[in-house]
Protein backbone atom coordinates (compact mmCIF):
# COMPACT_ATOMS: atom_id res chain seq x y z
CA UNK A 1 3.60 -17.25 8.17
CA UNK A 2 5.43 -15.31 5.47
CA UNK A 3 2.13 -14.34 3.76
CA UNK A 4 1.77 -17.97 2.58
CA UNK A 5 -1.99 -17.93 3.23
CA UNK A 6 -3.69 -18.17 -0.17
CA UNK A 7 -4.88 -21.71 0.61
CA UNK A 8 -5.01 -21.39 4.40
CA UNK A 9 -7.01 -18.45 5.73
CA UNK A 10 -10.39 -19.64 7.03
CA UNK A 11 -11.01 -16.60 9.24
CA UNK A 12 -11.51 -12.83 8.69
CA UNK A 13 -7.99 -12.56 7.20
CA UNK A 14 -9.42 -14.29 4.12
CA UNK A 15 -10.83 -10.89 3.16
CA UNK A 16 -7.32 -10.14 1.90
CA UNK A 17 -5.52 -13.43 1.23
CA UNK A 18 -8.32 -15.33 -0.53
CA UNK A 19 -11.98 -14.28 -0.29
CA UNK A 20 -13.11 -17.79 -1.29
CA UNK A 21 -11.89 -19.14 2.07
CA UNK A 22 -14.59 -17.14 3.86
CA UNK A 23 -16.96 -19.96 2.92
CA UNK A 24 -15.15 -22.23 5.43
CA UNK A 25 -15.94 -19.97 8.39
CA UNK A 26 -18.39 -21.75 10.69
CA UNK A 27 -19.28 -18.99 13.17
CA UNK A 28 -19.49 -15.21 13.14
CA UNK A 29 -15.98 -13.86 13.73
CA UNK A 30 -14.81 -10.32 14.50
CA UNK A 31 -11.12 -9.35 14.49
CA UNK A 32 -9.39 -6.28 15.88
CA UNK A 33 -5.65 -5.83 15.51
CA UNK A 34 -2.82 -3.34 15.47
CA UNK A 35 0.54 -3.45 13.74
CA UNK A 36 3.53 -1.21 13.22
CA UNK A 37 6.27 -1.46 10.59
CA UNK A 38 9.35 0.70 11.20
CA UNK A 39 11.63 1.49 8.26
CA UNK A 40 15.36 1.86 8.82
CA UNK A 41 16.40 2.75 5.28
CA UNK A 42 19.63 4.59 4.49
CA UNK A 43 21.56 6.13 1.62
CA UNK A 44 25.33 6.27 2.12
CA UNK A 45 24.83 5.32 5.76
CA UNK A 46 22.44 8.22 6.49
CA UNK A 47 18.92 7.27 7.60
CA UNK A 48 16.26 8.68 5.25
CA UNK A 49 13.57 8.84 7.95
CA UNK A 50 10.93 6.98 5.96
CA UNK A 51 7.71 7.14 7.98
CA UNK A 52 6.50 3.99 9.76
CA UNK A 53 3.36 2.25 8.57
CA UNK A 54 1.01 1.63 11.47
CA UNK A 55 -2.64 1.43 12.25
CA UNK A 56 -5.70 -0.58 13.22
CA UNK A 57 -7.01 -3.57 11.29
CA UNK A 58 -10.69 -4.48 11.67
CA UNK A 59 -12.32 -7.46 9.93
CA UNK A 60 -15.38 -9.65 10.13
CA UNK A 61 -16.71 -12.85 8.60
CA UNK A 62 -20.39 -13.79 8.72
CA UNK A 63 -21.42 -17.27 7.49
CA UNK A 64 -24.89 -18.39 6.47
CA UNK A 65 -26.88 -20.46 4.02
CA UNK A 66 -28.93 -19.64 0.93
CA UNK A 67 -31.15 -22.46 -0.36
CA UNK A 68 -29.03 -24.85 1.65
CA UNK A 69 -25.75 -23.68 0.08
CA UNK A 70 -23.06 -22.32 2.47
CA UNK A 71 -22.27 -18.65 1.85
CA UNK A 72 -20.32 -16.02 3.76
CA UNK A 73 -19.90 -12.27 3.80
CA UNK A 74 -16.75 -10.42 4.86
CA UNK A 75 -15.46 -6.92 5.50
CA UNK A 76 -11.93 -5.66 6.18
CA UNK A 77 -10.65 -2.20 7.09
CA UNK A 78 -7.17 -0.79 7.63
CA UNK A 79 -7.22 2.59 9.36
CA UNK A 80 -3.84 4.37 9.67
CA UNK A 81 -3.45 6.13 13.01
CA UNK A 82 -1.38 9.04 11.63
CA UNK A 83 -3.40 10.18 8.63
CA UNK A 84 -6.29 9.03 6.46
CA UNK A 85 -4.30 9.56 3.27
CA UNK A 86 -1.07 11.23 2.22
CA UNK A 87 -0.11 12.59 -1.18
CA UNK A 88 3.37 13.57 -2.19
CA UNK A 89 4.83 14.64 -5.53
CA UNK A 90 8.63 14.68 -5.86
CA UNK A 91 10.98 15.47 -8.70
CA UNK A 92 12.15 12.32 -10.45
CA UNK A 93 15.76 13.35 -9.80
CA UNK A 94 15.23 13.26 -6.04
CA UNK A 95 16.40 10.10 -4.29
CA UNK A 96 13.45 8.27 -2.74
CA UNK A 97 12.55 4.75 -1.54
CA UNK A 98 9.87 4.31 -4.17
CA UNK A 99 8.11 1.20 -2.82
CA UNK A 100 8.07 2.22 0.87
CA UNK A 101 8.00 6.00 1.27
CA UNK A 102 4.41 6.84 0.34
CA UNK A 103 2.61 3.76 -0.96
CA UNK A 104 1.29 2.45 2.37
CA UNK A 105 -0.08 5.67 3.88
CA UNK A 106 -3.62 4.78 2.87
CA UNK A 107 -7.09 3.94 4.12
CA UNK A 108 -8.12 0.47 2.87
CA UNK A 109 -11.59 -1.14 2.76
CA UNK A 110 -12.64 -4.48 1.25
CA UNK A 111 -16.05 -6.16 0.96
CA UNK A 112 -16.34 -9.80 -0.14
CA UNK A 113 -18.79 -12.65 -0.55
CA UNK A 114 -18.04 -16.39 -0.86
CA UNK A 115 -19.96 -19.55 -1.68
CA UNK A 116 -19.28 -23.28 -1.38
CA UNK A 117 -21.32 -24.90 -4.19
CA UNK A 118 -19.88 -28.36 -3.49
CA UNK A 119 -18.14 -29.74 -0.42
CA UNK A 120 -14.61 -29.52 -1.85
CA UNK A 121 -14.82 -26.18 -3.71
CA UNK A 122 -15.08 -22.55 -2.54
CA UNK A 123 -15.41 -19.48 -4.74
CA UNK A 124 -15.39 -15.85 -3.66
CA UNK A 125 -14.74 -12.29 -4.68
CA UNK A 126 -15.30 -8.69 -3.88
CA UNK A 127 -14.22 -5.11 -4.25
CA UNK A 128 -11.44 -3.21 -2.51
CA UNK A 129 -11.52 0.54 -2.03
CA UNK A 130 -8.69 3.06 -1.75
CA UNK A 131 -8.75 6.87 -1.71
CA UNK A 132 -7.53 9.29 -4.37
CA UNK A 133 -7.08 13.07 -4.06
CA UNK A 134 -8.20 16.07 -6.09
CA UNK A 135 -7.63 19.65 -5.05
CA UNK A 136 -7.82 23.32 -6.02
CA UNK A 137 -5.91 26.39 -4.80
CA UNK A 138 -7.01 29.93 -5.71
CA UNK A 139 -4.86 32.96 -4.83
CA UNK A 140 -5.77 36.59 -5.47
CA UNK A 141 -4.10 39.74 -4.29
CA UNK A 142 -1.74 42.62 -4.94
CA UNK A 143 2.06 42.58 -4.86
CA UNK A 144 3.62 46.02 -4.40
CA UNK A 145 7.29 45.77 -5.28
CA UNK A 146 7.91 49.35 -4.18
CA UNK A 147 6.13 49.14 -0.79
CA UNK A 148 5.83 45.58 0.50
CA UNK A 149 3.62 46.59 3.46
CA UNK A 150 0.90 47.47 0.98
CA UNK A 151 0.89 43.93 -0.46
CA UNK A 152 -1.93 41.57 0.42
CA UNK A 153 -3.06 38.10 -0.55
CA UNK A 154 -6.18 35.95 -0.17
CA UNK A 155 -6.26 32.20 -0.82
CA UNK A 156 -8.85 29.43 -0.93
CA UNK A 157 -8.13 25.68 -0.72
CA UNK A 158 -10.55 22.91 -1.68
CA UNK A 159 -9.58 19.20 -1.59
CA UNK A 160 -11.56 15.96 -1.88
CA UNK A 161 -10.87 12.27 -1.32
CA UNK A 162 -12.47 10.13 -4.02
CA UNK A 163 -12.74 6.34 -3.98
CA UNK A 164 -10.76 4.04 -6.26
CA UNK A 165 -12.15 0.51 -6.67
CA UNK A 166 -10.47 -2.67 -7.87
CA UNK A 167 -11.60 -6.31 -7.86
CA UNK A 168 -10.24 -9.35 -6.08
CA UNK A 169 -11.30 -12.92 -6.85
CA UNK A 170 -10.41 -16.24 -5.29
CA UNK A 171 -10.95 -19.98 -5.52
CA UNK A 172 -9.96 -22.77 -3.15
CA UNK A 173 -10.18 -26.53 -3.53
CA UNK A 174 -9.91 -29.17 -0.81
CA UNK A 175 -7.86 -32.17 -1.95
CA UNK A 176 -8.94 -34.62 0.70
CA UNK A 177 -8.69 -33.80 4.41
CA UNK A 178 -5.01 -32.81 4.48
CA UNK A 179 -4.41 -30.60 1.45
CA UNK A 180 -5.84 -27.42 -0.01
CA UNK A 181 -4.90 -25.32 -3.03
CA UNK A 182 -5.94 -21.74 -3.69
CA UNK A 183 -5.71 -19.09 -6.38
CA UNK A 184 -6.26 -15.35 -5.85
CA UNK A 185 -6.37 -12.43 -8.30
CA UNK A 186 -6.04 -8.81 -7.16
CA UNK A 187 -6.64 -6.01 -9.62
CA UNK A 188 -4.45 -3.01 -10.32
CA UNK A 189 -5.14 0.34 -8.74
CA UNK A 190 -3.82 3.82 -9.39
CA UNK A 191 -4.19 6.58 -6.83
CA UNK A 192 -4.18 9.85 -8.70
CA UNK A 193 -3.17 13.28 -7.46
CA UNK A 194 -4.81 16.05 -9.49
CA UNK A 195 -4.24 19.65 -8.39
CA UNK A 196 -5.17 22.98 -9.90
CA UNK A 197 -3.81 26.35 -8.78
CA UNK A 198 -4.77 29.79 -10.02
CA UNK A 199 -2.92 33.01 -9.11
CA UNK A 200 -4.55 36.21 -10.24
CA UNK A 201 -3.55 39.65 -9.03
CA UNK A 202 -2.13 43.12 -9.46
CA UNK A 203 1.56 44.02 -9.41
CA UNK A 204 2.18 47.53 -8.03
CA UNK A 205 -0.55 48.93 -10.32
CA UNK A 206 1.91 48.41 -13.19
CA UNK A 207 0.33 45.32 -14.66
CA UNK A 208 -1.63 42.18 -13.83
CA UNK A 209 -0.49 38.61 -13.39
CA UNK A 210 -2.31 35.38 -14.23
CA UNK A 211 -0.77 32.01 -13.39
CA UNK A 212 -2.78 28.83 -14.06
CA UNK A 213 -1.22 25.51 -13.09
CA UNK A 214 -2.64 22.01 -13.45
CA UNK A 215 -0.79 18.89 -12.29
CA UNK A 216 -1.68 15.25 -12.78
CA UNK A 217 0.22 12.32 -11.33
CA UNK A 218 -0.22 8.78 -10.04
CA UNK A 219 0.67 9.14 -6.38
CA UNK A 220 0.52 5.42 -5.59
CA UNK A 221 0.32 2.37 -7.80
CA UNK A 222 -0.22 -1.29 -6.95
CA UNK A 223 0.13 -3.76 -9.82
CA UNK A 224 -2.05 -6.72 -10.67
CA UNK A 225 -1.24 -9.80 -8.60
CA UNK A 226 -1.90 -13.50 -9.00
CA UNK A 227 -1.14 -15.73 -6.01
CA UNK A 228 -1.09 -19.54 -6.18
CA UNK A 229 -0.78 -21.43 -2.92
CA UNK A 230 -0.98 -24.80 -1.23
CA UNK A 231 -1.56 -25.78 2.39
CA UNK A 232 -0.65 -29.27 3.60
CA UNK A 233 -1.31 -30.96 6.96
CA UNK A 234 1.89 -32.99 7.14
CA UNK A 235 0.83 -34.48 10.48
CA UNK A 236 -2.07 -33.88 12.85
CA UNK A 237 -0.05 -31.08 14.48
CA UNK A 238 2.20 -29.74 11.73
CA UNK A 239 1.15 -27.68 8.71
CA UNK A 240 3.21 -26.35 5.81
CA UNK A 241 2.10 -23.62 3.38
CA UNK A 242 3.72 -22.60 0.09
CA UNK A 243 2.74 -19.60 -2.05
CA UNK A 244 4.02 -18.07 -5.28
CA UNK A 245 2.84 -14.53 -6.16
CA UNK A 246 3.24 -12.80 -9.52
CA UNK A 247 3.45 -8.99 -9.51
CA UNK A 248 2.87 -7.05 -12.74
CA UNK A 249 5.47 -4.37 -11.90
CA UNK A 250 6.19 -3.70 -15.59
CA UNK A 251 2.93 -1.71 -15.72
CA UNK A 252 4.19 0.71 -13.06
CA UNK A 253 3.52 4.39 -13.74
CA UNK A 254 6.15 6.91 -12.53
CA UNK A 255 4.79 9.15 -9.72
CA UNK A 256 5.99 12.33 -11.43
CA UNK A 257 3.59 15.23 -11.93
CA UNK A 258 2.74 16.27 -15.48
CA UNK A 259 2.47 20.06 -15.54
CA UNK A 260 0.26 22.26 -17.68
CA UNK A 261 1.09 25.94 -17.03
CA UNK A 262 -0.31 29.17 -18.42
CA UNK A 263 1.58 32.35 -17.44
CA UNK A 264 0.38 35.77 -18.57
CA UNK A 265 2.16 38.91 -17.28
CA UNK A 266 1.61 41.66 -19.90
CA UNK A 267 4.20 44.48 -19.95
CA UNK A 268 3.01 47.76 -18.42
CA UNK A 269 2.42 50.88 -20.48
CA UNK A 270 5.80 52.15 -21.59
CA UNK A 271 7.55 48.82 -21.02
CA UNK A 272 9.18 47.22 -18.00
CA UNK A 273 11.12 49.47 -15.60
CA UNK A 274 14.89 49.13 -15.60
CA UNK A 275 16.13 46.13 -13.62
CA UNK A 276 12.79 44.27 -13.68
CA UNK A 277 12.56 41.11 -15.81
CA UNK A 278 9.23 39.34 -16.22
CA UNK A 279 9.12 35.63 -15.29
CA UNK A 280 9.50 33.09 -18.08
CA UNK A 281 7.08 30.30 -18.97
CA UNK A 282 8.05 27.17 -16.95
CA UNK A 283 9.49 24.33 -19.01
CA UNK A 284 7.44 21.17 -19.57
CA UNK A 285 8.42 18.19 -17.42
CA UNK A 286 9.67 15.19 -19.39
CA UNK A 287 8.71 12.08 -17.41
CA UNK A 288 11.26 9.29 -17.81
CA UNK A 289 10.11 5.64 -17.55
CA UNK A 290 11.20 3.45 -14.65
CA UNK A 291 11.22 0.23 -16.71
CA UNK A 292 10.33 -2.07 -13.84
CA UNK A 293 10.27 -5.85 -14.31
CA UNK A 294 7.57 -8.36 -13.35
CA UNK A 295 8.47 -10.51 -10.36
CA UNK A 296 7.61 -13.90 -8.83
CA UNK A 297 7.80 -13.87 -5.03
CA UNK A 298 7.94 -17.20 -3.13
CA UNK A 299 6.49 -17.56 0.38
CA UNK A 300 6.86 -20.35 2.94
CA UNK A 301 4.87 -20.74 6.16
CA UNK A 302 5.02 -23.38 8.92
CA UNK A 303 2.67 -23.95 11.85
CA UNK A 304 3.10 -26.31 14.82
CA UNK A 305 0.08 -27.08 17.02
CA UNK A 306 2.15 -27.18 20.20
CA UNK A 307 -0.65 -27.59 22.77
CA UNK A 308 -4.02 -29.18 22.05
CA UNK A 309 -6.33 -29.28 25.05
CA UNK A 310 -10.10 -29.30 25.45
CA UNK A 311 -10.33 -25.55 26.01
CA UNK A 312 -6.90 -24.18 25.01
CA UNK A 313 -4.75 -24.49 21.89
CA UNK A 314 -1.29 -23.02 21.33
CA UNK A 315 0.21 -22.48 17.87
CA UNK A 316 3.81 -21.65 17.00
CA UNK A 317 4.39 -20.22 13.52
CA UNK A 318 7.22 -19.15 11.24
CA UNK A 319 7.59 -17.86 7.71
CA UNK A 320 9.99 -16.66 5.03
CA UNK A 321 9.76 -14.84 1.72
CA UNK A 322 12.22 -13.46 -0.80
CA UNK A 323 11.33 -10.50 -3.01
CA UNK A 324 13.68 -9.48 -5.81
CA UNK A 325 13.55 -5.75 -6.50
CA UNK A 326 11.66 -4.85 -9.69
CA UNK A 327 13.52 -1.52 -10.05
CA UNK A 328 16.69 -1.54 -12.20
CA UNK A 329 19.86 0.29 -11.18
CA UNK A 330 19.31 4.06 -11.41
CA UNK A 331 22.39 4.85 -13.48
CA UNK A 332 20.95 7.93 -15.21
CA UNK A 333 18.79 10.88 -14.17
CA UNK A 334 16.09 9.19 -12.08
CA UNK A 335 16.70 7.98 -8.51
CA UNK A 336 14.03 5.45 -7.55
CA UNK A 337 15.61 3.26 -4.88
CA UNK A 338 14.72 -0.32 -3.95
CA UNK A 339 16.62 -3.48 -2.93
CA UNK A 340 16.19 -7.24 -2.87
CA UNK A 341 14.51 -8.23 0.39
CA UNK A 342 14.73 -11.29 2.65
CA UNK A 343 11.90 -11.49 5.19
CA UNK A 344 11.58 -13.84 8.15
CA UNK A 345 8.73 -13.93 10.63
CA UNK A 346 7.65 -15.72 13.80
CA UNK A 347 4.31 -15.81 15.56
CA UNK A 348 2.32 -17.24 18.43
CA UNK A 349 -1.39 -17.98 18.56
CA UNK A 350 -3.64 -18.93 21.49
CA UNK A 351 -7.22 -20.16 21.12
CA UNK A 352 -9.41 -20.27 24.25
CA UNK A 353 -12.90 -21.71 24.60
CA UNK A 354 -14.11 -20.59 28.06
CA UNK A 355 -17.59 -22.21 27.91
CA UNK A 356 -19.09 -19.89 30.50
CA UNK A 357 -22.77 -19.24 31.06
CA UNK A 358 -22.63 -15.99 29.06
CA UNK A 359 -20.07 -16.90 26.37
CA UNK A 360 -19.56 -20.23 24.62
CA UNK A 361 -17.56 -19.12 21.59
CA UNK A 362 -13.83 -19.03 20.92
CA UNK A 363 -11.29 -16.28 21.61
CA UNK A 364 -8.08 -16.20 19.57
CA UNK A 365 -5.09 -13.99 20.26
CA UNK A 366 -2.29 -13.91 17.69
CA UNK A 367 0.99 -11.99 17.72
CA UNK A 368 3.74 -11.65 15.12
CA UNK A 369 7.24 -10.29 14.70
CA UNK A 370 8.79 -9.83 11.26
CA UNK A 371 12.28 -8.79 10.17
CA UNK A 372 13.03 -7.73 6.59
CA UNK A 373 16.67 -7.37 5.62
CA UNK A 374 17.37 -5.43 2.43
CA UNK A 375 20.49 -6.51 0.58
CA UNK A 376 22.88 -3.54 0.48
CA UNK A 377 23.79 -2.39 -3.02
CA UNK A 378 25.88 0.36 -4.64
CA UNK A 379 24.52 2.24 -7.65
CA UNK A 380 27.11 3.73 -10.01
CA UNK A 381 26.03 6.55 -12.31
CA UNK A 382 26.91 6.60 -16.01
CA UNK A 383 27.72 10.30 -15.87
CA UNK A 384 30.53 11.17 -13.38
CA UNK A 385 29.11 14.70 -13.21
CA UNK A 386 25.64 13.48 -12.15
CA UNK A 387 24.06 15.81 -9.56
CA UNK A 388 23.38 12.93 -7.11
CA UNK A 389 26.36 10.75 -7.97
CA UNK A 390 27.06 7.19 -6.92
CA UNK A 391 25.27 6.03 -3.78
CA UNK A 392 24.97 2.95 -1.56
CA UNK A 393 21.53 1.86 -0.31
CA UNK A 394 20.86 -0.42 2.65
CA UNK A 395 18.19 -1.01 5.25
CA UNK A 396 15.84 -3.18 7.24
CA UNK A 397 12.16 -3.16 8.21
CA UNK A 398 10.85 -4.33 11.60
CA UNK A 399 7.17 -5.24 11.80
CA UNK A 400 5.21 -6.37 14.86
CA UNK A 401 1.59 -6.55 15.88
CA UNK A 402 -1.24 -8.47 17.49
CA UNK A 403 -4.82 -9.46 16.63
CA UNK A 404 -7.77 -10.51 18.79
CA UNK A 405 -10.53 -12.56 17.13
CA UNK A 406 -13.87 -13.23 18.82
CA UNK A 407 -16.09 -16.04 17.57
CA UNK A 408 -19.82 -16.30 18.30
């Protein structure tokens, strides 16, 4: 439904769209789903082979009461089926699809709680978790420039995934029986990539070499978001949802590594042999700003209750959203690529209440297909001698998946 669900998500999906809506869940619900988003993104007509985003979604919602007040607890997990986490540091001059290439290769976990203090009001919130990376590489050995077969090297690698936490809060109000409004806040998160490398060894018994390198970068960044939405039952069988989401893209931090290097190669006794020049100290990286702009993204969702029987319901859904790119034209040295995006989606949902002797709950099976078309655009460089030069970006994203929800 075009992600227009801030005011309309009374099932385990509320763990993401609006945690307050968990308070409307009447029975214990468990969801298991899978989706895949394939990127067909190209520069000058050549596909850039941006990895797909795919994996398993697991969620639950557990309602209850405390002192007679309805409460609910929820959990949500996205588990990529390729890798738990991926880190990548590229030069800022290298052309890359900044908002698609590496940002979604992540493990995601959210825990929420909601309460309905009065009949028409729901309030909820929780914490979302992502993973960050720290690592260390130690290399020792001997490099014999006169007899390479006598060279040897030993290395040790140590890496850790550390959790990054950010809050999400929501509120939803029921305006009579046919209208609901919701407001959700999602906090900012920064996934850091901190690496340290140390090379220490002997060079042909002439001298020693010490190379200490420390890098620090923000490998993935998601800005603060505020989503305002409404859900309206136009008729008994037709529902319309409208959302407007603000993204604080102006706070974006470039994913370029800041280097701190110490290089110490003392000259041997009597000076360097003829023809051998010691390495120079690497230059400091100057990180240029991206200067992104904040954006408002509209969403529209429609749902038709096509079949309404005692034990079976069928829902037909559609949605649309338009996202204007926050990245300005890359007319200078940097090459962060993004485009305006039109996204349309369709979906089907079936709810079945078997009422057997061993199961009297509800089974729901939902499926979706989404097509995102990126508006092709040509970037012209200010400097005609630019290493990358002018380029034309275009692309589309195809997303499909299904979810099974079991109610008890």
